[in-house]
Structures are given as structure tokens and as C-alpha cells.
């Protein structure tokens, strides 16, 4: 079964945060630019991932997104679940 575009963006975004988030939260603008994704669309996707407990959202000038727990504890199924009907 092919994954919908939201799920594909979610997977790419979580991978991006896992690879680049060691120094602190990453802003949606940076992720959207590097992934060539629409910023507002990606922002909604990232907030859904935060509600699912995969990412943590931090507000403020140094805010952004980071993984809610270590990458090795996050499964692909958890990332896909909020966006794909079961």
C-alpha cells in the first residue's frame, strides 16, 4: 500500500529531526526549506506528531521541534499511525 503525501512528509521530517536535532530544537522553516516541503503543511504535520508523542514542540525564539525520546525508541509504525487509516 503506497503511503499518502502527509505520511511521507512526516517520515522525512522525523528523520531530519533525528539527524540534525542534537544541538537543540529545529525550526519548521529550516526543515521545510531542506525538505522542499510547504511550510504551513509541514507545520501541521509536525504538530500532529507532537500530539502523538513522537516530537516535542518548544515555543519561543529558540523554539522548534525535537524528538520526544531517543530515535531508537521510535518505530516507523508510530510515525505512520496518525496519518494512515488502519
N, C-alpha and C. Protein backbone atom coordinates (compact mmCIF):
# COMPACT_ATOMS: atom_id res chain seq x y z
N UNK A 1 0.84 -1.18 0.00
CA UNK A 1 0.00 0.00 0.00
C UNK A 1 0.89 1.25 0.00
N UNK A 2 0.72 2.14 -0.97
CA UNK A 2 1.51 3.36 -1.00
C UNK A 2 1.12 4.30 0.14
N UNK A 3 2.09 5.04 0.63
CA UNK A 3 1.84 6.00 1.71
C UNK A 3 1.37 7.32 1.13
N UNK A 4 0.44 7.99 1.83
CA UNK A 4 -0.02 9.29 1.35
C UNK A 4 1.08 10.34 1.56
N UNK A 5 0.91 11.49 0.96
CA UNK A 5 1.97 12.51 0.99
C UNK A 5 2.22 13.04 2.40
N UNK A 6 1.19 13.14 3.22
CA UNK A 6 1.38 13.61 4.59
C UNK A 6 2.27 12.64 5.36
N UNK A 7 2.03 11.36 5.19
CA UNK A 7 2.84 10.35 5.86
C UNK A 7 4.28 10.41 5.38
N UNK A 8 4.47 10.61 4.09
CA UNK A 8 5.83 10.71 3.56
C UNK A 8 6.56 11.92 4.15
N UNK A 9 5.87 13.07 4.23
CA UNK A 9 6.47 14.25 4.85
C UNK A 9 6.78 13.99 6.32
N UNK A 10 5.89 13.31 7.02
CA UNK A 10 6.10 13.02 8.44
C UNK A 10 7.34 12.16 8.63
N UNK A 11 7.49 11.13 7.83
CA UNK A 11 8.67 10.26 7.92
C UNK A 11 9.95 11.04 7.64
N UNK A 12 9.91 11.84 6.60
CA UNK A 12 11.09 12.62 6.25
C UNK A 12 11.44 13.63 7.34
N UNK A 13 10.41 14.26 7.92
CA UNK A 13 10.63 15.26 8.96
C UNK A 13 11.20 14.63 10.23
N UNK A 14 10.67 13.49 10.65
CA UNK A 14 11.19 12.83 11.85
C UNK A 14 12.64 12.40 11.62
N UNK A 15 12.93 11.88 10.47
CA UNK A 15 14.30 11.50 10.14
C UNK A 15 15.22 12.73 10.17
N UNK A 16 14.75 13.84 9.63
CA UNK A 16 15.53 15.08 9.62
C UNK A 16 15.82 15.53 11.05
N UNK A 17 14.81 15.53 11.89
CA UNK A 17 14.99 15.95 13.28
C UNK A 17 15.96 15.01 13.99
N UNK A 18 15.85 13.72 13.73
CA UNK A 18 16.76 12.75 14.34
C UNK A 18 18.20 13.00 13.91
N UNK A 19 18.41 13.35 12.66
CA UNK A 19 19.76 13.58 12.16
C UNK A 19 20.34 14.92 12.58
N UNK A 20 19.51 15.97 12.69
CA UNK A 20 20.01 17.32 12.90
C UNK A 20 19.67 17.92 14.26
N UNK A 21 18.94 17.23 15.09
CA UNK A 21 18.43 17.83 16.32
C UNK A 21 19.27 17.67 17.55
N UNK A 22 20.49 17.23 17.43
CA UNK A 22 21.31 17.02 18.63
C UNK A 22 21.70 18.33 19.32
N UNK A 23 21.75 19.42 18.59
CA UNK A 23 22.15 20.70 19.18
C UNK A 23 20.97 21.45 19.79
N UNK A 24 19.77 20.97 19.60
CA UNK A 24 18.61 21.65 20.15
C UNK A 24 17.45 21.59 19.18
N UNK A 25 16.36 22.26 19.53
CA UNK A 25 15.17 22.21 18.68
C UNK A 25 15.44 22.79 17.28
N UNK A 26 14.75 22.23 16.31
CA UNK A 26 14.90 22.69 14.93
C UNK A 26 13.61 23.37 14.50
N UNK A 27 13.75 24.52 13.89
CA UNK A 27 12.59 25.30 13.46
C UNK A 27 11.97 24.69 12.20
N UNK A 28 10.66 24.84 12.09
CA UNK A 28 9.94 24.31 10.93
C UNK A 28 10.45 24.93 9.64
N UNK A 29 10.80 26.20 9.68
CA UNK A 29 11.30 26.87 8.47
C UNK A 29 12.52 26.16 7.90
N UNK A 30 13.43 25.76 8.77
CA UNK A 30 14.65 25.07 8.32
C UNK A 30 14.32 23.70 7.74
N UNK A 31 13.43 22.99 8.42
CA UNK A 31 13.05 21.65 7.94
C UNK A 31 12.35 21.75 6.59
N UNK A 32 11.41 22.68 6.49
CA UNK A 32 10.65 22.85 5.24
C UNK A 32 11.57 23.22 4.09
N UNK A 33 12.52 24.10 4.34
CA UNK A 33 13.45 24.51 3.28
C UNK A 33 14.31 23.33 2.81
N UNK A 34 14.85 22.59 3.76
CA UNK A 34 15.72 21.47 3.39
C UNK A 34 14.97 20.31 2.74
N UNK A 35 13.72 20.10 3.16
CA UNK A 35 12.93 19.01 2.58
C UNK A 35 12.12 19.46 1.36
N UNK A 36 12.18 20.76 1.06
CA UNK A 36 11.39 21.34 -0.04
C UNK A 36 9.91 20.99 0.13
N UNK A 37 9.42 21.27 1.33
CA UNK A 37 8.03 21.00 1.68
C UNK A 37 7.34 22.32 1.99
N UNK A 38 6.03 22.41 1.74
CA UNK A 38 5.30 23.63 2.10
C UNK A 38 5.34 23.84 3.62
N UNK A 39 5.75 25.01 4.05
CA UNK A 39 5.97 25.29 5.47
C UNK A 39 4.71 25.07 6.31
N UNK A 40 3.58 25.64 5.92
CA UNK A 40 2.36 25.53 6.72
C UNK A 40 1.87 24.08 6.79
N UNK A 41 1.96 23.38 5.69
CA UNK A 41 1.56 21.98 5.63
C UNK A 41 2.44 21.14 6.55
N UNK A 42 3.74 21.38 6.49
CA UNK A 42 4.68 20.65 7.33
C UNK A 42 4.47 21.00 8.80
N UNK A 43 4.17 22.24 9.10
CA UNK A 43 3.93 22.66 10.47
C UNK A 43 2.76 21.88 11.08
N UNK A 44 1.67 21.75 10.35
CA UNK A 44 0.52 20.99 10.84
C UNK A 44 0.89 19.52 11.04
N UNK A 45 1.68 18.98 10.14
CA UNK A 45 2.13 17.60 10.26
C UNK A 45 3.00 17.42 11.49
N UNK A 46 3.91 18.35 11.73
CA UNK A 46 4.80 18.28 12.89
C UNK A 46 4.02 18.38 14.19
N UNK A 47 3.00 19.23 14.23
CA UNK A 47 2.18 19.35 15.44
C UNK A 47 1.39 18.08 15.69
N UNK A 48 0.95 17.41 14.64
CA UNK A 48 0.28 16.12 14.80
C UNK A 48 1.24 15.09 15.38
N UNK A 49 2.48 15.12 14.96
CA UNK A 49 3.50 14.22 15.51
C UNK A 49 3.77 14.54 16.98
N UNK A 50 3.71 15.81 17.34
CA UNK A 50 3.89 16.19 18.74
C UNK A 50 2.71 15.69 19.59
N UNK A 51 1.50 15.81 19.07
CA UNK A 51 0.33 15.29 19.80
C UNK A 51 0.41 13.78 19.96
N UNK A 52 1.05 13.10 19.02
CA UNK A 52 1.19 11.65 19.08
C UNK A 52 2.35 11.22 19.99
N UNK A 53 3.10 12.17 20.52
CA UNK A 53 4.19 11.85 21.43
C UNK A 53 5.50 11.47 20.76
N UNK A 54 5.63 11.78 19.48
CA UNK A 54 6.85 11.45 18.75
C UNK A 54 7.83 12.62 18.80
N UNK A 55 7.31 13.82 18.69
CA UNK A 55 8.12 15.03 18.78
C UNK A 55 7.71 15.85 19.98
N UNK A 56 8.58 16.76 20.39
CA UNK A 56 8.25 17.76 21.39
C UNK A 56 8.35 19.12 20.71
N UNK A 57 7.40 19.96 20.99
CA UNK A 57 7.36 21.30 20.43
C UNK A 57 7.77 22.29 21.51
N UNK A 58 8.65 23.19 21.16
CA UNK A 58 9.09 24.21 22.10
C UNK A 58 8.84 25.58 21.49
N UNK A 59 8.20 26.44 22.25
CA UNK A 59 7.88 27.78 21.77
C UNK A 59 9.00 28.76 22.06
N UNK A 60 8.90 29.91 21.44
CA UNK A 60 9.84 30.98 21.71
C UNK A 60 10.88 31.14 20.63
N UNK A 61 11.75 32.15 20.81
CA UNK A 61 12.76 32.45 19.78
C UNK A 61 13.75 31.31 19.57
N UNK A 62 13.97 30.48 20.55
CA UNK A 62 14.86 29.33 20.40
C UNK A 62 14.07 28.03 20.29
N UNK A 63 12.80 28.16 19.99
CA UNK A 63 11.92 27.00 19.92
C UNK A 63 12.03 26.24 18.62
N UNK A 64 11.23 25.20 18.54
CA UNK A 64 11.22 24.35 17.37
C UNK A 64 10.78 22.96 17.78
N UNK A 65 11.25 21.96 17.06
CA UNK A 65 10.88 20.58 17.34
C UNK A 65 12.12 19.74 17.61
N UNK A 66 11.94 18.79 18.50
CA UNK A 66 12.97 17.79 18.77
C UNK A 66 12.27 16.47 19.05
N UNK A 67 13.00 15.39 19.03
CA UNK A 67 12.41 14.09 19.31
C UNK A 67 11.96 14.03 20.77
N UNK A 68 10.85 13.39 21.02
CA UNK A 68 10.33 13.26 22.37
C UNK A 68 11.11 12.21 23.17
N UNK A 69 11.75 11.30 22.47
CA UNK A 69 12.58 10.27 23.11
C UNK A 69 13.66 9.86 22.12
N UNK A 70 14.64 9.08 22.55
CA UNK A 70 15.72 8.69 21.63
C UNK A 70 15.19 8.02 20.36
N UNK A 71 15.86 8.26 19.26
CA UNK A 71 15.42 7.76 17.95
C UNK A 71 15.24 6.24 17.92
N UNK A 72 16.10 5.51 18.61
CA UNK A 72 16.00 4.05 18.58
C UNK A 72 14.74 3.53 19.29
N UNK A 73 14.05 4.41 20.02
CA UNK A 73 12.81 4.02 20.70
C UNK A 73 11.56 4.40 19.91
N UNK A 74 11.73 4.96 18.73
CA UNK A 74 10.59 5.38 17.90
C UNK A 74 10.51 4.44 16.71
N UNK A 75 9.34 3.83 16.54
CA UNK A 75 9.16 2.90 15.42
C UNK A 75 8.52 3.62 14.23
N UNK A 76 8.72 3.05 13.06
CA UNK A 76 8.07 3.60 11.86
C UNK A 76 6.55 3.56 12.01
N UNK A 77 6.05 2.51 12.62
CA UNK A 77 4.61 2.38 12.81
C UNK A 77 4.03 3.52 13.62
N UNK A 78 4.76 4.00 14.64
CA UNK A 78 4.30 5.13 15.44
C UNK A 78 4.22 6.41 14.61
N UNK A 79 5.17 6.59 13.72
CA UNK A 79 5.20 7.80 12.90
C UNK A 79 4.08 7.76 11.87
N UNK A 80 3.81 6.59 11.33
CA UNK A 80 2.80 6.42 10.27
C UNK A 80 1.38 6.46 10.84
N UNK A 81 1.17 5.93 12.03
CA UNK A 81 -0.17 5.74 12.61
C UNK A 81 -1.07 6.98 12.59
N UNK A 82 -0.59 8.18 12.91
CA UNK A 82 -1.51 9.33 12.91
C UNK A 82 -2.02 9.74 11.52
N UNK A 83 -1.40 9.23 10.47
CA UNK A 83 -1.72 9.72 9.12
C UNK A 83 -2.29 8.66 8.18
N UNK A 84 -2.19 7.40 8.55
CA UNK A 84 -2.67 6.32 7.68
C UNK A 84 -3.81 5.58 8.36
N UNK A 85 -4.92 5.40 7.66
CA UNK A 85 -6.02 4.63 8.26
C UNK A 85 -5.62 3.17 8.42
N UNK A 86 -6.03 2.59 9.50
CA UNK A 86 -5.69 1.18 9.75
C UNK A 86 -6.83 0.27 9.36
